[in-house]
Structure formats: structure tokens, C-alpha cells
């Protein structure tokens, strides 16, 4: 499996260090991030999922631990909006250029604002989708935040 994706090319261009980890992607898994954590033998809180949302109708990306749930109220606040909703999968695919289950915050076709869950800042190495189903990148979370130009704010329900 080739590890060159728009996500890894964006990381290379940003001179951001990462390593690639691959696993067998199960499209029937209920919670893809949790399945990836189990397949890779990594704590679920260190496997970050990228979820596409709309805040006041505008696209944005949230990067959160795979074992956590988003709070729409916190998402709206994090992006300075009044309301937030999950983006429909077909729209997320068209906007990012990635398939669901393979959406990465790096190298998206159309650049959108990105926010990482505040609790992830300073964690050290985390695992984030590398732009293809079954391919993840191991990266320092603070480097990932920097590479996406993101902020770290509370996004998850307590």
C-alpha cells in the first residue's frame, strides 16, 4: 500500500516529522477510531479522529480522541458561531478529497478551519488518519496542531 497521500505530502511540505502505521480497515466497524486503536494496540485516547462539521453553515474540522464525543455547543463556541452540526458524509468527502474513514486534517482539498480538542495539547505522540482508510500517521500532537494552523479548544462533551 502506498503511503503517499495528500495528507502525507502536506506533512512533508511542512517539514513535520511523522511515521506511518497501517492496519486492516474494517468498513463495518461501528466506531472506526476505536477499531483503529484496537488494531494498532494504541490507547483510544491517543488515536485522534477527524470529524467534519458545519458551524453556522460553514465547514470546519474537529480533531478529537476516538473515545470521546463531540459537544455541538462547544464546537459552535470554538469556531465563534451560534450553531453546529455534523457535515453529511458525502459533502465531507467532496470537500476534503478523502473518503470517510480516511479523512485527515492534513492536506484537505479545500482548507477549512481546524480545532483540536484542548485535552490533546501536550500529549506527545498521537495517531491521526493519514488520508487513507487503514493508514495512520504517528505524530507529535503539538506538531500536528502547528501543521494545520489549528487551535486547541474544548470540543468534547464531559
N, C-alpha and C. Protein backbone atom coordinates (compact mmCIF):
# COMPACT_ATOMS: atom_id res chain seq x y z
N UNK A 1 0.85 -1.18 0.00
CA UNK A 1 0.00 0.00 0.00
C UNK A 1 0.89 1.24 0.00
N UNK A 2 0.62 2.15 -0.92
CA UNK A 2 1.40 3.38 -1.00
C UNK A 2 1.07 4.28 0.18
N UNK A 3 2.09 4.93 0.71
CA UNK A 3 1.87 5.84 1.83
C UNK A 3 1.86 7.30 1.40
N UNK A 4 1.92 7.54 0.09
CA UNK A 4 1.85 8.92 -0.40
C UNK A 4 0.39 9.30 -0.58
N UNK A 5 -0.05 10.25 0.21
CA UNK A 5 -1.42 10.77 0.14
C UNK A 5 -1.32 12.29 0.21
N UNK A 6 -2.40 13.00 -0.11
CA UNK A 6 -2.35 14.45 0.09
C UNK A 6 -1.98 14.82 1.53
N UNK A 7 -2.38 14.01 2.49
CA UNK A 7 -2.06 14.29 3.90
C UNK A 7 -0.57 14.16 4.16
N UNK A 8 0.05 13.08 3.72
CA UNK A 8 1.48 12.90 3.97
C UNK A 8 2.30 13.89 3.15
N UNK A 9 1.84 14.22 1.96
CA UNK A 9 2.55 15.23 1.16
C UNK A 9 2.49 16.59 1.87
N UNK A 10 1.35 16.92 2.47
CA UNK A 10 1.23 18.19 3.21
C UNK A 10 2.17 18.20 4.41
N UNK A 11 2.27 17.07 5.11
CA UNK A 11 3.20 16.99 6.25
C UNK A 11 4.64 17.11 5.80
N UNK A 12 4.97 16.46 4.68
CA UNK A 12 6.33 16.55 4.14
C UNK A 12 6.65 18.00 3.76
N UNK A 13 5.69 18.66 3.10
CA UNK A 13 5.89 20.06 2.69
C UNK A 13 6.10 20.96 3.90
N UNK A 14 5.38 20.66 4.99
CA UNK A 14 5.51 21.46 6.22
C UNK A 14 6.73 21.06 7.05
N UNK A 15 7.49 20.06 6.55
CA UNK A 15 8.67 19.55 7.26
C UNK A 15 8.31 19.08 8.67
N UNK A 16 7.17 18.37 8.76
CA UNK A 16 6.68 17.85 10.02
C UNK A 16 6.98 16.36 10.10
N UNK A 17 7.67 15.94 11.15
CA UNK A 17 8.06 14.54 11.32
C UNK A 17 6.85 13.67 11.66
N UNK A 18 6.80 12.49 11.06
CA UNK A 18 5.74 11.51 11.33
C UNK A 18 6.22 10.15 10.87
N UNK A 19 5.56 9.12 11.34
CA UNK A 19 5.76 7.77 10.82
C UNK A 19 4.41 7.21 10.44
N UNK A 20 4.39 6.32 9.49
CA UNK A 20 3.15 5.72 9.00
C UNK A 20 2.92 4.38 9.69
N UNK A 21 1.68 4.16 10.10
CA UNK A 21 1.24 2.85 10.63
C UNK A 21 0.02 2.43 9.84
N UNK A 22 0.03 1.20 9.36
CA UNK A 22 -1.10 0.69 8.59
C UNK A 22 -1.77 -0.44 9.36
N UNK A 23 -3.06 -0.62 9.10
CA UNK A 23 -3.83 -1.69 9.73
C UNK A 23 -4.95 -2.10 8.78
N UNK A 24 -5.57 -3.22 9.09
CA UNK A 24 -6.70 -3.68 8.26
C UNK A 24 -7.93 -2.86 8.63
N UNK A 25 -8.41 -2.06 7.68
CA UNK A 25 -9.58 -1.22 7.88
C UNK A 25 -10.84 -2.06 7.75
N UNK A 26 -11.72 -1.98 8.73
CA UNK A 26 -12.99 -2.70 8.70
C UNK A 26 -14.13 -1.71 8.46
N UNK A 27 -14.67 -1.67 7.23
CA UNK A 27 -15.72 -0.69 6.93
C UNK A 27 -17.01 -0.92 7.71
N UNK A 28 -17.17 -2.10 8.30
CA UNK A 28 -18.40 -2.38 9.05
C UNK A 28 -18.27 -2.05 10.54
N UNK A 29 -17.11 -1.56 10.96
CA UNK A 29 -16.91 -1.21 12.37
C UNK A 29 -17.85 -0.08 12.77
N UNK A 30 -18.44 -0.21 13.96
CA UNK A 30 -19.34 0.83 14.46
C UNK A 30 -18.60 2.13 14.73
N UNK A 31 -17.46 2.02 15.35
CA UNK A 31 -16.66 3.20 15.70
C UNK A 31 -15.26 3.02 15.11
N UNK A 32 -15.03 3.65 13.98
CA UNK A 32 -13.80 3.43 13.21
C UNK A 32 -12.55 3.79 14.01
N UNK A 33 -12.58 4.90 14.74
CA UNK A 33 -11.42 5.30 15.54
C UNK A 33 -11.09 4.29 16.61
N UNK A 34 -12.11 3.74 17.25
CA UNK A 34 -11.89 2.72 18.28
C UNK A 34 -11.35 1.44 17.65
N UNK A 35 -11.85 1.09 16.47
CA UNK A 35 -11.35 -0.11 15.77
C UNK A 35 -9.88 0.09 15.39
N UNK A 36 -9.52 1.30 14.96
CA UNK A 36 -8.13 1.58 14.62
C UNK A 36 -7.24 1.47 15.86
N UNK A 37 -7.70 2.01 16.99
CA UNK A 37 -6.93 1.92 18.23
C UNK A 37 -6.67 0.48 18.60
N UNK A 38 -7.71 -0.35 18.52
CA UNK A 38 -7.55 -1.77 18.86
C UNK A 38 -6.60 -2.46 17.89
N UNK A 39 -6.76 -2.21 16.59
CA UNK A 39 -5.91 -2.85 15.58
C UNK A 39 -4.44 -2.46 15.74
N UNK A 40 -4.19 -1.23 16.15
CA UNK A 40 -2.83 -0.73 16.29
C UNK A 40 -2.25 -0.96 17.68
N UNK A 41 -3.09 -1.37 18.63
CA UNK A 41 -2.63 -1.58 20.00
C UNK A 41 -2.27 -0.28 20.70
N UNK A 42 -3.06 0.75 20.42
CA UNK A 42 -2.81 2.08 20.99
C UNK A 42 -4.02 2.47 21.84
N UNK A 43 -3.78 3.15 22.95
CA UNK A 43 -4.87 3.62 23.81
C UNK A 43 -5.82 4.48 22.99
N UNK A 44 -7.15 4.28 23.11
CA UNK A 44 -8.12 5.04 22.32
C UNK A 44 -7.99 6.56 22.46
N UNK A 45 -7.56 7.03 23.60
CA UNK A 45 -7.40 8.46 23.80
C UNK A 45 -6.24 9.06 23.02
N UNK A 46 -5.36 8.20 22.48
CA UNK A 46 -4.23 8.68 21.69
C UNK A 46 -4.46 8.55 20.19
N UNK A 47 -5.58 7.93 19.82
CA UNK A 47 -5.96 7.85 18.41
C UNK A 47 -6.99 8.95 18.17
N UNK A 48 -6.62 9.92 17.36
CA UNK A 48 -7.48 11.08 17.15
C UNK A 48 -8.24 10.93 15.84
N UNK A 49 -9.55 11.19 15.91
CA UNK A 49 -10.40 11.13 14.72
C UNK A 49 -10.65 12.55 14.23
N UNK A 50 -10.81 12.67 12.91
CA UNK A 50 -11.10 13.96 12.29
C UNK A 50 -12.56 13.94 11.87
N UNK A 51 -13.34 14.85 12.43
CA UNK A 51 -14.77 14.93 12.13
C UNK A 51 -15.06 16.27 11.47
N UNK A 52 -15.77 16.19 10.37
CA UNK A 52 -16.13 17.40 9.63
C UNK A 52 -17.48 17.91 10.13
N UNK A 53 -17.53 19.20 10.39
CA UNK A 53 -18.74 19.83 10.93
C UNK A 53 -19.07 21.07 10.11
N UNK A 54 -20.25 21.60 10.37
CA UNK A 54 -20.65 22.89 9.81
C UNK A 54 -21.04 23.79 10.97
N UNK A 55 -20.43 24.95 11.02
CA UNK A 55 -20.72 25.93 12.06
C UNK A 55 -21.35 27.14 11.37
N UNK A 56 -22.60 27.38 11.73
CA UNK A 56 -23.38 28.43 11.05
C UNK A 56 -23.32 28.25 9.53
N UNK A 57 -23.35 26.99 9.11
CA UNK A 57 -23.36 26.65 7.69
C UNK A 57 -22.00 26.63 7.02
N UNK A 58 -20.93 26.94 7.75
CA UNK A 58 -19.58 26.97 7.18
C UNK A 58 -18.80 25.74 7.62
N UNK A 59 -17.99 25.14 6.72
CA UNK A 59 -17.26 23.92 7.05
C UNK A 59 -16.11 24.16 8.01
N UNK A 60 -15.85 23.14 8.83
CA UNK A 60 -14.73 23.16 9.77
C UNK A 60 -14.38 21.72 10.11
N UNK A 61 -13.20 21.53 10.69
CA UNK A 61 -12.75 20.19 11.09
C UNK A 61 -12.43 20.17 12.57
N UNK A 62 -12.85 19.09 13.23
CA UNK A 62 -12.56 18.87 14.65
C UNK A 62 -11.71 17.62 14.77
N UNK A 63 -10.66 17.69 15.58
CA UNK A 63 -9.79 16.53 15.81
C UNK A 63 -9.88 16.20 17.29
N UNK A 64 -10.41 15.01 17.57
CA UNK A 64 -10.71 14.63 18.95
C UNK A 64 -10.32 13.18 19.21
N UNK A 65 -10.08 12.81 20.47
CA UNK A 65 -9.78 11.42 20.78
C UNK A 65 -10.92 10.49 20.34
N UNK A 66 -10.55 9.31 19.87
CA UNK A 66 -11.55 8.39 19.31
C UNK A 66 -12.53 7.88 20.35
N UNK A 67 -12.21 8.02 21.63
CA UNK A 67 -13.12 7.54 22.68
C UNK A 67 -13.97 8.66 23.27
N UNK A 68 -13.98 9.80 22.62
CA UNK A 68 -14.75 10.95 23.12
C UNK A 68 -15.85 11.32 22.14
N UNK A 69 -16.84 12.08 22.62
CA UNK A 69 -17.98 12.51 21.83
C UNK A 69 -17.99 14.03 21.75
N UNK A 70 -18.31 14.54 20.57
CA UNK A 70 -18.37 16.00 20.39
C UNK A 70 -19.56 16.62 21.09
N UNK A 71 -19.39 17.86 21.51
CA UNK A 71 -20.47 18.70 22.02
C UNK A 71 -20.72 19.78 20.97
N UNK A 72 -21.89 19.78 20.35
CA UNK A 72 -22.18 20.77 19.31
C UNK A 72 -22.12 22.19 19.87
N UNK A 73 -22.52 22.36 21.12
CA UNK A 73 -22.46 23.67 21.76
C UNK A 73 -21.01 24.15 21.87
N UNK A 74 -20.11 23.24 22.26
CA UNK A 74 -18.69 23.61 22.38
C UNK A 74 -18.05 23.85 21.02
N UNK A 75 -18.48 23.07 20.02
CA UNK A 75 -17.95 23.27 18.67
C UNK A 75 -18.32 24.66 18.16
N UNK A 76 -19.59 25.02 18.31
CA UNK A 76 -20.03 26.35 17.87
C UNK A 76 -19.21 27.43 18.56
N UNK A 77 -19.02 27.29 19.86
CA UNK A 77 -18.24 28.28 20.61
C UNK A 77 -16.78 28.31 20.14
N UNK A 78 -16.19 27.15 19.89
CA UNK A 78 -14.79 27.08 19.49
C UNK A 78 -14.53 27.79 18.16
N UNK A 79 -15.52 27.75 17.27
CA UNK A 79 -15.37 28.39 15.96
C UNK A 79 -16.05 29.76 15.90
N UNK A 80 -16.52 30.26 17.05
CA UNK A 80 -17.13 31.58 17.10
C UNK A 80 -18.49 31.65 16.45
N UNK A 81 -19.23 30.54 16.47
CA UNK A 81 -20.54 30.50 15.85
C UNK A 81 -21.66 30.33 16.85
N UNK A 82 -22.87 30.23 16.31
CA UNK A 82 -24.05 30.06 17.16
C UNK A 82 -24.55 28.63 17.15
N UNK A 83 -24.39 27.92 16.03
CA UNK A 83 -24.88 26.54 15.96
C UNK A 83 -23.90 25.69 15.16
N UNK A 84 -23.90 24.39 15.48
CA UNK A 84 -23.01 23.45 14.80
C UNK A 84 -23.76 22.16 14.54
N UNK A 85 -23.37 21.48 13.47
CA UNK A 85 -23.95 20.18 13.12
C UNK A 85 -22.90 19.36 12.40
N UNK A 86 -23.04 18.05 12.45
CA UNK A 86 -22.15 17.17 11.71
C UNK A 86 -22.38 17.40 10.21
N UNK A 87 -21.31 17.36 9.45
CA UNK A 87 -21.41 17.50 8.00
C UNK A 87 -21.82 16.15 7.40
N UNK A 88 -22.74 16.13 6.45
CA UNK A 88 -23.10 14.87 5.80
C UNK A 88 -21.85 14.24 5.16
N UNK A 89 -21.71 12.90 5.25
CA UNK A 89 -20.52 12.23 4.74
C UNK A 89 -20.19 12.53 3.28
N UNK A 90 -21.20 12.59 2.42
CA UNK A 90 -20.91 12.86 1.01
C UNK A 90 -20.32 14.25 0.81
N UNK A 91 -20.79 15.22 1.57
CA UNK A 91 -20.24 16.58 1.49
C UNK A 91 -18.82 16.61 2.06
N UNK A 92 -18.60 15.89 3.16
CA UNK A 92 -17.26 15.84 3.76
C UNK A 92 -16.26 15.24 2.77
N UNK A 93 -16.66 14.21 2.05
CA UNK A 93 -15.78 13.59 1.06
C UNK A 93 -15.45 14.55 -0.08
N UNK A 94 -16.46 15.23 -0.60
CA UNK A 94 -16.23 16.18 -1.70
C UNK A 94 -15.32 17.33 -1.25
N UNK A 95 -15.55 17.84 -0.05
CA UNK A 95 -14.80 18.98 0.46
C UNK A 95 -13.35 18.63 0.75
N UNK A 96 -13.12 17.47 1.37
CA UNK A 96 -11.77 17.11 1.81
C UNK A 96 -10.96 16.39 0.75
N UNK A 97 -11.64 15.67 -0.15
CA UNK A 97 -10.94 14.83 -1.11
C UNK A 97 -10.59 13.47 -0.54
N UNK A 98 -11.03 13.19 0.69
CA UNK A 98 -10.79 11.90 1.34
C UNK A 98 -12.11 11.15 1.50
N UNK A 99 -12.03 9.82 1.59
CA UNK A 99 -13.21 9.01 1.88
C UNK A 99 -13.44 8.99 3.38
N UNK A 100 -14.72 8.90 3.81
CA UNK A 100 -14.99 8.76 5.24
C UNK A 100 -14.25 7.53 5.72
N UNK A 101 -13.74 7.61 6.93
CA UNK A 101 -12.88 6.55 7.46
C UNK A 101 -11.43 6.79 7.10
N UNK A 102 -11.18 7.80 6.27
CA UNK A 102 -9.82 8.14 5.87
C UNK A 102 -9.59 9.65 5.85
N UNK A 103 -10.51 10.40 6.47
CA UNK A 103 -10.39 11.86 6.47
C UNK A 103 -9.29 12.29 7.45
N UNK A 104 -8.41 13.12 6.94
CA UNK A 104 -7.28 13.63 7.72
C UNK A 104 -7.41 15.15 7.84
N UNK A 105 -6.86 15.73 8.90
CA UNK A 105 -6.86 17.19 8.97
C UNK A 105 -5.76 17.80 8.10
N UNK A 106 -4.86 16.96 7.58
CA UNK A 106 -3.74 17.42 6.77
C UNK A 106 -4.06 17.24 5.28
N UNK A 107 -3.75 18.24 4.48
CA UNK A 107 -3.84 18.09 3.03
C UNK A 107 -5.23 17.99 2.45
N UNK A 108 -6.20 18.57 3.12
CA UNK A 108 -7.56 18.54 2.58
C UNK A 108 -7.64 19.35 1.30
N UNK A 109 -8.50 18.92 0.40
CA UNK A 109 -8.67 19.58 -0.90
C UNK A 109 -9.01 21.05 -0.72
N UNK A 110 -9.96 21.34 0.16
CA UNK A 110 -10.31 22.72 0.47
C UNK A 110 -9.93 22.96 1.93
N UNK A 111 -9.06 23.90 2.16
CA UNK A 111 -8.61 24.18 3.53
C UNK A 111 -9.75 24.79 4.34
N UNK A 112 -9.98 24.24 5.52
CA UNK A 112 -11.01 24.73 6.41
C UNK A 112 -10.39 24.97 7.79
N UNK A 113 -11.03 25.77 8.63
CA UNK A 113 -10.51 25.95 9.99
C UNK A 113 -10.51 24.61 10.74
N UNK A 114 -9.47 24.39 11.54
CA UNK A 114 -9.31 23.15 12.30
C UNK A 114 -9.14 23.50 13.77
N UNK A 115 -9.80 22.73 14.64
CA UNK A 115 -9.60 22.86 16.07
C UNK A 115 -9.37 21.46 16.64
N UNK A 116 -8.35 21.33 17.48
CA UNK A 116 -8.08 20.09 18.20
C UNK A 116 -8.71 20.19 19.58
N UNK A 117 -9.18 19.08 20.10
CA UNK A 117 -9.68 19.03 21.48
C UNK A 117 -8.58 19.53 22.40
N UNK A 118 -8.92 20.44 23.31
CA UNK A 118 -7.94 21.07 24.20
C UNK A 118 -7.14 20.05 25.00
N UNK A 119 -7.77 18.96 25.42
CA UNK A 119 -7.09 17.95 26.24
C UNK A 119 -5.97 17.24 25.50
N UNK A 120 -5.91 17.35 24.17
CA UNK A 120 -4.87 16.66 23.42
C UNK A 120 -3.55 17.41 23.40
N UNK A 121 -3.58 18.73 23.58
CA UNK A 121 -2.35 19.53 23.54
C UNK A 121 -1.38 19.02 24.60
N UNK A 122 -0.14 18.82 24.20
CA UNK A 122 0.88 18.38 25.14
C UNK A 122 0.91 16.89 25.40
N UNK A 123 0.09 16.09 24.71
CA UNK A 123 0.07 14.64 24.94
C UNK A 123 1.32 13.93 24.44
N UNK A 124 2.05 14.54 23.54
CA UNK A 124 3.19 13.85 22.91
C UNK A 124 2.72 13.18 21.64
N UNK A 125 3.15 11.93 21.43
CA UNK A 125 2.78 11.23 20.20
C UNK A 125 1.34 10.77 20.20
N UNK A 126 0.66 11.05 19.10
CA UNK A 126 -0.70 10.60 18.89
C UNK A 126 -0.78 9.96 17.50
N UNK A 127 -1.91 9.34 17.22
CA UNK A 127 -2.12 8.69 15.93
C UNK A 127 -3.31 9.37 15.26
N UNK A 128 -3.11 9.83 14.03
CA UNK A 128 -4.14 10.55 13.29
C UNK A 128 -4.21 9.98 11.88
N UNK A 129 -5.39 9.98 11.29
CA UNK A 129 -5.54 9.43 9.95
C UNK A 129 -4.58 10.10 8.98
N UNK A 130 -3.98 9.28 8.14
CA UNK A 130 -3.00 9.75 7.17
C UNK A 130 -3.57 9.99 5.79
N UNK A 131 -4.91 10.02 5.66
CA UNK A 131 -5.51 10.35 4.39
C UNK A 131 -5.96 9.17 3.56
N UNK A 132 -5.98 7.99 4.20
CA UNK A 132 -6.42 6.79 3.50
C UNK A 132 -6.95 5.81 4.55
N UNK A 133 -8.02 5.12 4.21
CA UNK A 133 -8.55 4.11 5.12
C UNK A 133 -7.47 3.08 5.41
N UNK A 134 -7.24 2.83 6.69
CA UNK A 134 -6.24 1.85 7.10
C UNK A 134 -4.82 2.39 7.19
N UNK A 135 -4.66 3.68 7.06
CA UNK A 135 -3.32 4.29 7.15
C UNK A 135 -3.36 5.47 8.12
N UNK A 136 -2.54 5.39 9.13
CA UNK A 136 -2.47 6.42 10.14
C UNK A 136 -1.06 6.98 10.19
N UNK A 137 -0.94 8.20 10.75
CA UNK A 137 0.39 8.76 11.00
C UNK A 137 0.56 8.92 12.50
N UNK A 138 1.74 8.58 12.97
CA UNK A 138 2.12 8.80 14.36
C UNK A 138 2.89 10.11 14.35
N UNK A 139 2.43 11.06 15.14
CA UNK A 139 2.95 12.43 15.07
C UNK A 139 2.84 13.08 16.45
N UNK A 140 3.75 13.99 16.73
CA UNK A 140 3.64 14.76 17.96
C UNK A 140 2.43 15.68 17.83
N UNK A 141 1.54 15.65 18.80
CA UNK A 141 0.28 16.40 18.68
C UNK A 141 0.51 17.89 18.53
N UNK A 142 1.50 18.43 19.19
CA UNK A 142 1.75 19.87 19.07
C UNK A 142 2.25 20.20 17.66
N UNK A 143 3.02 19.29 17.05
CA UNK A 143 3.45 19.48 15.65
C UNK A 143 2.25 19.38 14.72
N UNK A 144 1.32 18.48 15.03
CA UNK A 144 0.10 18.34 14.21
C UNK A 144 -0.74 19.61 14.29
N UNK A 145 -0.87 20.14 15.48
CA UNK A 145 -1.63 21.39 15.66
C UNK A 145 -0.97 22.51 14.86
N UNK A 146 0.33 22.59 14.93
CA UNK A 146 1.07 23.62 14.19
C UNK A 146 0.93 23.42 12.68
N UNK A 147 1.03 22.17 12.22
CA UNK A 147 0.97 21.89 10.78
C UNK A 147 -0.38 22.25 10.16
N UNK A 148 -1.44 22.20 10.97
CA UNK A 148 -2.77 22.53 10.45
C UNK A 148 -3.15 23.98 10.73
N UNK A 149 -2.33 24.69 11.46
CA UNK A 149 -2.66 26.06 11.84
C UNK A 149 -3.84 26.10 12.79
N UNK A 150 -4.03 25.01 13.52
CA UNK A 150 -5.19 24.86 14.38
C UNK A 150 -5.01 25.52 15.74
N UNK A 151 -6.12 25.58 16.43
CA UNK A 151 -6.16 25.99 17.83
C UNK A 151 -6.52 24.75 18.64
N UNK A 152 -6.31 24.80 19.93
CA UNK A 152 -6.73 23.72 20.83
C UNK A 152 -7.76 24.31 21.78
N UNK A 153 -9.01 23.83 21.65
CA UNK A 153 -10.11 24.34 22.46
C UNK A 153 -10.99 23.19 22.89
N UNK A 154 -11.79 23.37 23.96
CA UNK A 154 -12.71 22.31 24.37
C UNK A 154 -13.76 22.04 23.30
N UNK A 155 -13.86 20.76 22.87
CA UNK A 155 -14.81 20.36 21.85
C UNK A 155 -15.72 19.23 22.29
N UNK A 156 -15.28 18.47 23.28
CA UNK A 156 -15.98 17.23 23.65
C UNK A 156 -16.93 17.44 24.82
N UNK A 157 -17.94 16.57 24.82
CA UNK A 157 -18.86 16.53 25.95
C UNK A 157 -18.08 15.98 27.15
N UNK A 158 -18.37 16.44 28.32
CA UNK A 158 -17.65 15.94 29.51
C UNK A 158 -18.08 14.59 29.93
